[in-house]
Amino acid sequence: MASPVLYETHMHTPLCGHAIGEPEEYAAVAKARGLKGIIITCHNPIPGWGKETRMRLDQFPVYQAMTERARRAWEGQVDVRLGLECDYAPELERWLKEQLQKTKFHHVLGSIHAQVPEYMRAYFRNDWFEYQKVYFDHLARSAESGFFDTLAHPDLIKNFAPEEWQLERIERFILNALDRIAATKVSMELNTSGLNKAVAEMNPGPWMLKEMRRRDISVVVGADAHQPSRVAAEYEEAFLLLEEAGYDTICFYLDRQRQEVTIAQARETLQPVSA
């Protein structure tokens, strides 16, 4: 059997308030699925911002300790790394710069969660189309900030008012954002958890994924696991979607440096979900 090559690149801990399972449990599933490792990417602490969905600032040392504990427990079997998922908004840039300079991370995801109350209060003006335009402009600005390795679930906003999601009217704003993102060489995520959301398709959807490929934007696959059983969930389907869009490689980050593997390699080493 071929040696493991894949990582779960997007997963959480109970510190965010909406995930279950200790990092060791996620590592056990990674081992069973034939992964080489996991990168823990819990939501970053931000004073006064989305406190119901992220660790507090004083819990960050606990987060580091949890990761180190799991690293030691699984050493030699599953490679456990410290990462972070960071909310982006223009007014957070100073905080993000300081936060990311203080700790060595292996993979930093940039996210825009348009449902976070603080973000909505700042940018939502009772017009979902205008809000979607702001979202995609901020998505591009997050790449241009230089803070992130990967942009997580890049069309997530479609799930918060699915009846207002009309691809034909937002299309040109997405394409403009993708042009800007491509210029930065930042990766984008294919997030498999979208299959369980209001618009039941991965984030991004097939049309956007093909436009990313046209611009040679590299892709990281992540399950956004909030419970251990979600580690590497729907990766097989993700590989098919990527191939249909024209991709033959995927990437992940270690020491914030891009690593690439072929989809063929990834498929060969991934083990099926146990019955």
Protein backbone atom coordinates (compact mmCIF):
# COMPACT_ATOMS: atom_id res chain seq x y z
CA MET A 1 0.00 0.00 0.00
CA ALA A 2 1.26 3.47 -0.88
CA SER A 3 2.47 5.72 1.94
CA PRO A 4 -0.02 8.33 3.24
CA VAL A 5 0.18 11.75 1.64
CA LEU A 6 -3.01 13.58 2.63
CA TYR A 7 -3.87 15.90 5.50
CA GLU A 8 -7.18 17.01 6.92
CA THR A 9 -6.58 20.72 6.47
CA HIS A 10 -9.66 22.20 8.18
CA MET A 11 -10.94 20.97 11.54
CA HIS A 12 -12.07 22.38 14.87
CA THR A 13 -12.07 21.79 18.62
CA PRO A 14 -14.70 22.24 21.36
CA LEU A 15 -13.14 25.62 22.17
CA CYS A 16 -15.11 27.19 19.31
CA GLY A 17 -18.36 26.29 21.09
CA HIS A 18 -19.90 24.40 18.17
CA ALA A 19 -17.62 21.40 17.68
CA ILE A 20 -17.25 18.13 19.57
CA GLY A 21 -14.38 15.72 20.10
CA GLU A 22 -10.79 16.08 21.23
CA PRO A 23 -7.94 16.40 18.71
CA GLU A 24 -6.82 12.86 19.53
CA GLU A 25 -10.19 11.57 18.30
CA TYR A 26 -9.81 13.43 15.02
CA ALA A 27 -6.32 11.96 14.65
CA ALA A 28 -7.70 8.44 15.17
CA VAL A 29 -10.12 8.91 12.27
CA ALA A 30 -7.33 10.36 10.15
CA LYS A 31 -5.28 7.22 10.81
CA ALA A 32 -8.20 4.98 9.81
CA ARG A 33 -8.74 6.96 6.60
CA GLY A 34 -5.11 6.68 5.55
CA LEU A 35 -4.17 10.32 6.10
CA LYS A 36 -0.66 11.43 6.86
CA GLY A 37 -1.80 14.11 9.28
CA ILE A 38 -4.25 16.70 10.52
CA ILE A 39 -3.95 20.46 10.82
CA ILE A 40 -6.10 21.85 13.62
CA THR A 41 -7.64 25.14 12.49
CA CYS A 42 -10.00 26.40 15.16
CA HIS A 43 -11.57 29.87 14.88
CA ASN A 44 -9.22 32.63 15.95
CA PRO A 45 -9.96 34.66 19.06
CA ILE A 46 -11.04 38.23 18.26
CA PRO A 47 -12.00 40.50 21.16
CA GLY A 48 -15.63 41.57 20.76
CA TRP A 49 -16.21 39.63 17.54
CA GLY A 50 -18.38 36.54 17.18
CA LYS A 51 -17.75 35.37 20.73
CA GLU A 52 -20.34 32.57 20.50
CA THR A 53 -18.41 30.82 17.73
CA ARG A 54 -14.75 31.09 18.71
CA MET A 55 -12.32 30.58 21.55
CA ARG A 56 -11.68 33.44 23.94
CA LEU A 57 -8.28 35.10 23.89
CA ASP A 58 -7.41 33.59 27.27
CA GLN A 59 -8.15 30.11 25.84
CA PHE A 60 -5.52 30.35 23.13
CA PRO A 61 -2.81 28.76 25.33
CA VAL A 62 -5.26 25.90 25.98
CA TYR A 63 -5.65 25.50 22.22
CA GLN A 64 -1.90 25.28 21.79
CA ALA A 65 -1.65 22.77 24.62
CA MET A 66 -4.43 20.60 23.13
CA THR A 67 -2.61 20.49 19.83
CA GLU A 68 0.72 19.64 21.45
CA ARG A 69 -0.91 16.91 23.55
CA ALA A 70 -2.37 15.30 20.43
CA ARG A 71 0.92 15.68 18.58
CA ARG A 72 2.73 13.75 21.29
CA ALA A 73 0.01 11.11 21.58
CA TRP A 74 0.05 10.35 17.85
CA GLU A 75 3.73 10.96 17.10
CA GLY A 76 4.97 8.49 14.52
CA GLN A 77 1.43 7.61 13.40
CA VAL A 78 -0.40 10.83 12.50
CA ASP A 79 1.32 14.17 12.01
CA VAL A 80 -0.60 16.73 14.11
CA ARG A 81 -0.01 20.40 13.27
CA LEU A 82 -1.20 23.76 14.60
CA GLY A 83 -3.19 25.99 12.28
CA LEU A 84 -5.83 28.69 12.58
CA GLU A 85 -8.99 29.80 10.80
CA CYS A 86 -9.17 33.59 10.89
CA ASP A 87 -12.20 35.75 10.22
CA TYR A 88 -11.45 38.57 7.83
CA ALA A 89 -12.92 42.04 7.61
CA PRO A 90 -10.97 45.18 6.65
CA GLU A 91 -11.18 46.59 10.18
CA LEU A 92 -9.58 43.40 11.58
CA GLU A 93 -6.36 43.68 9.60
CA ARG A 94 -4.32 45.28 12.39
CA TRP A 95 -5.45 42.59 14.87
CA LEU A 96 -4.71 39.79 12.38
CA LYS A 97 -1.24 41.09 11.64
CA GLU A 98 -0.33 41.12 15.32
CA GLN A 99 -1.97 37.76 16.04
CA LEU A 100 -0.30 35.88 13.22
CA GLN A 101 3.14 37.26 14.04
CA LYS A 102 3.05 35.90 17.60
CA THR A 103 2.72 32.17 16.91
CA LYS A 104 4.14 29.71 14.40
CA PHE A 105 1.26 28.19 12.44
CA HIS A 106 1.40 25.58 9.70
CA HIS A 107 -1.74 26.59 7.80
CA VAL A 108 -3.77 29.78 8.11
CA LEU A 109 -7.23 29.89 6.60
CA GLY A 110 -8.92 33.16 5.84
CA SER A 111 -12.70 33.13 6.23
CA ILE A 112 -15.59 35.51 5.83
CA HIS A 113 -18.57 34.42 7.90
CA ALA A 114 -21.31 36.70 6.67
CA GLN A 115 -23.68 35.49 9.39
CA VAL A 116 -21.54 36.79 12.27
CA PRO A 117 -23.52 39.58 13.97
CA GLU A 118 -20.62 42.04 14.03
CA TYR A 119 -20.00 41.57 10.32
CA MET A 120 -23.69 41.91 9.48
CA ARG A 121 -24.03 45.09 11.54
CA ALA A 122 -21.10 46.62 9.70
CA TYR A 123 -22.02 45.65 6.14
CA PHE A 124 -25.60 44.40 5.70
CA ARG A 125 -28.06 47.08 4.54
CA ASN A 126 -31.19 44.96 3.99
CA ASP A 127 -30.14 44.15 0.44
CA TRP A 128 -28.72 40.66 -0.07
CA PHE A 129 -27.34 41.34 -3.55
CA GLU A 130 -25.36 44.31 -2.27
CA TYR A 131 -24.21 42.19 0.67
CA GLN A 132 -23.02 39.46 -1.70
CA LYS A 133 -21.02 42.05 -3.65
CA VAL A 134 -19.38 43.25 -0.44
CA TYR A 135 -18.62 39.66 0.51
CA PHE A 136 -16.76 38.89 -2.72
CA ASP A 137 -14.87 42.18 -2.59
CA HIS A 138 -13.76 41.29 0.94
CA LEU A 139 -12.85 37.78 -0.22
CA ALA A 140 -10.43 39.32 -2.71
CA ARG A 141 -9.17 41.81 -0.12
CA SER A 142 -8.47 38.94 2.27
CA ALA A 143 -6.17 37.38 -0.34
CA GLU A 144 -4.55 40.74 -1.06
CA SER A 145 -3.86 41.27 2.66
CA GLY A 146 -1.12 38.62 2.56
CA PHE A 147 -2.23 37.10 5.87
CA PHE A 148 -3.60 33.79 4.61
CA ASP A 149 -2.46 30.64 2.85
CA THR A 150 -5.96 29.56 1.81
CA LEU A 151 -9.39 31.16 1.50
CA ALA A 152 -11.93 28.89 3.18
CA HIS A 153 -15.39 27.98 1.78
CA PRO A 154 -15.22 30.88 -0.67
CA ASP A 155 -18.88 31.09 -1.67
CA LEU A 156 -20.28 30.42 1.81
CA ILE A 157 -22.58 33.44 1.67
CA LYS A 158 -24.98 31.62 -0.67
CA ASN A 159 -26.19 29.55 2.29
CA PHE A 160 -27.52 32.38 4.46
CA ALA A 161 -30.26 33.59 2.12
CA PRO A 162 -30.39 30.86 -0.54
CA GLU A 163 -33.50 32.36 -2.11
CA GLU A 164 -31.41 35.47 -2.84
CA TRP A 165 -28.58 33.53 -4.49
CA GLN A 166 -28.81 34.19 -8.24
CA LEU A 167 -25.57 33.24 -9.91
CA GLU A 168 -26.29 35.14 -13.12
CA ARG A 169 -26.47 38.51 -11.31
CA ILE A 170 -23.46 38.00 -9.02
CA GLU A 171 -21.31 36.22 -11.61
CA ARG A 172 -19.27 39.20 -12.80
CA PHE A 173 -18.44 40.22 -9.24
CA ILE A 174 -17.21 36.70 -8.48
CA LEU A 175 -15.07 36.71 -11.62
CA ASN A 176 -13.55 40.05 -10.65
CA ALA A 177 -12.74 38.67 -7.19
CA LEU A 178 -11.16 35.56 -8.73
CA ASP A 179 -8.98 37.70 -11.00
CA ARG A 180 -7.72 39.58 -7.97
CA ILE A 181 -7.18 36.40 -5.96
CA ALA A 182 -5.29 34.73 -8.82
CA ALA A 183 -2.85 37.65 -8.86
CA THR A 184 -1.94 36.97 -5.21
CA LYS A 185 -1.16 33.22 -5.67
CA VAL A 186 -3.19 32.47 -2.52
CA SER A 187 -4.90 29.05 -2.57
CA MET A 188 -8.63 28.50 -2.29
CA GLU A 189 -10.44 25.72 -0.48
CA LEU A 190 -12.87 23.13 -1.76
CA ASN A 191 -14.87 22.65 1.43
CA THR A 192 -16.83 19.42 1.47
CA SER A 193 -19.13 20.45 4.34
CA GLY A 194 -21.19 22.53 1.92
CA LEU A 195 -23.06 19.35 1.03
CA ASN A 196 -24.80 19.67 4.40
CA LYS A 197 -25.78 23.34 4.05
CA ALA A 198 -28.81 25.15 2.62
CA VAL A 199 -27.38 25.07 -0.90
CA ALA A 200 -26.32 21.44 -0.94
CA GLU A 201 -23.10 21.59 -2.88
CA MET A 202 -19.48 21.96 -1.90
CA ASN A 203 -18.06 25.42 -1.37
CA PRO A 204 -17.33 26.57 -3.98
CA GLY A 205 -19.84 25.13 -6.40
CA PRO A 206 -18.82 23.55 -9.75
CA TRP A 207 -19.10 26.75 -11.83
CA MET A 208 -16.81 28.72 -9.51
CA LEU A 209 -14.38 25.80 -9.26
CA LYS A 210 -14.00 25.76 -13.05
CA GLU A 211 -13.38 29.51 -13.08
CA MET A 212 -10.72 29.03 -10.42
CA ARG A 213 -9.02 26.43 -12.62
CA ARG A 214 -9.07 28.79 -15.61
CA ARG A 215 -7.07 31.22 -13.48
CA ASP A 216 -4.66 28.53 -12.22
CA ILE A 217 -5.73 29.04 -8.59
CA SER A 218 -4.45 26.15 -6.47
CA VAL A 219 -6.95 24.20 -4.36
CA VAL A 220 -6.80 22.80 -0.83
CA VAL A 221 -9.41 20.18 0.09
CA GLY A 222 -10.86 20.38 3.61
CA ALA A 223 -13.85 18.83 5.35
CA ASP A 224 -14.31 21.59 7.94
CA ALA A 225 -14.69 18.82 10.51
CA HIS A 226 -16.62 19.80 13.63
CA GLN A 227 -16.77 16.19 14.84
CA PRO A 228 -14.26 13.37 14.39
CA SER A 229 -16.37 11.39 11.93
CA ARG A 230 -16.15 14.30 9.47
CA VAL A 231 -12.38 13.97 8.98
CA ALA A 232 -11.76 13.57 5.22
CA ALA A 233 -15.53 13.36 4.67
CA GLU A 234 -16.56 13.36 1.00
CA TYR A 235 -12.95 13.64 -0.17
CA GLU A 236 -13.67 11.05 -2.87
CA GLU A 237 -16.44 13.23 -4.30
CA ALA A 238 -14.21 16.28 -4.04
CA PHE A 239 -11.54 14.59 -6.17
CA LEU A 240 -14.12 13.90 -8.88
CA LEU A 241 -15.34 17.50 -8.85
CA LEU A 242 -11.78 18.76 -9.12
CA GLU A 243 -11.03 16.50 -12.07
CA GLU A 244 -14.23 17.62 -13.80
CA ALA A 245 -13.05 21.22 -13.35
CA GLY A 246 -9.69 20.37 -14.92
CA TYR A 247 -7.47 19.92 -11.85
CA ASP A 248 -4.98 17.08 -11.54
CA THR A 249 -3.25 18.23 -8.34
CA ILE A 250 -4.30 19.45 -4.89
CA CYS A 251 -2.23 21.13 -2.22
CA PHE A 252 -1.89 21.61 1.52
CA TYR A 253 0.38 23.74 3.71
CA LEU A 254 3.05 22.84 6.23
CA ASP A 255 5.17 25.57 7.82
CA ARG A 256 2.97 27.82 5.66
CA GLN A 257 4.68 26.43 2.56
CA ARG A 258 2.59 24.91 -0.21
CA GLN A 259 2.91 21.17 -0.77
CA GLU A 260 1.39 19.51 -3.84
CA VAL A 261 0.21 15.97 -4.54
CA THR A 262 -1.56 14.57 -7.55
CA ILE A 263 -5.20 13.66 -7.22
CA ALA A 264 -4.19 10.17 -8.34
CA GLN A 265 -1.80 9.89 -5.37
CA ALA A 266 -4.44 11.24 -3.00
CA ARG A 267 -7.06 8.78 -4.24
CA GLU A 268 -4.66 5.83 -4.01
CA THR A 269 -3.81 6.45 -0.36
CA LEU A 270 -7.26 7.42 0.96
CA GLN A 271 -8.95 4.56 2.78
CA PRO A 272 -12.75 4.02 2.71
CA VAL A 273 -14.93 4.94 5.66
CA SER A 274 -15.23 1.98 8.01
CA ALA A 275 -18.63 0.29 8.05
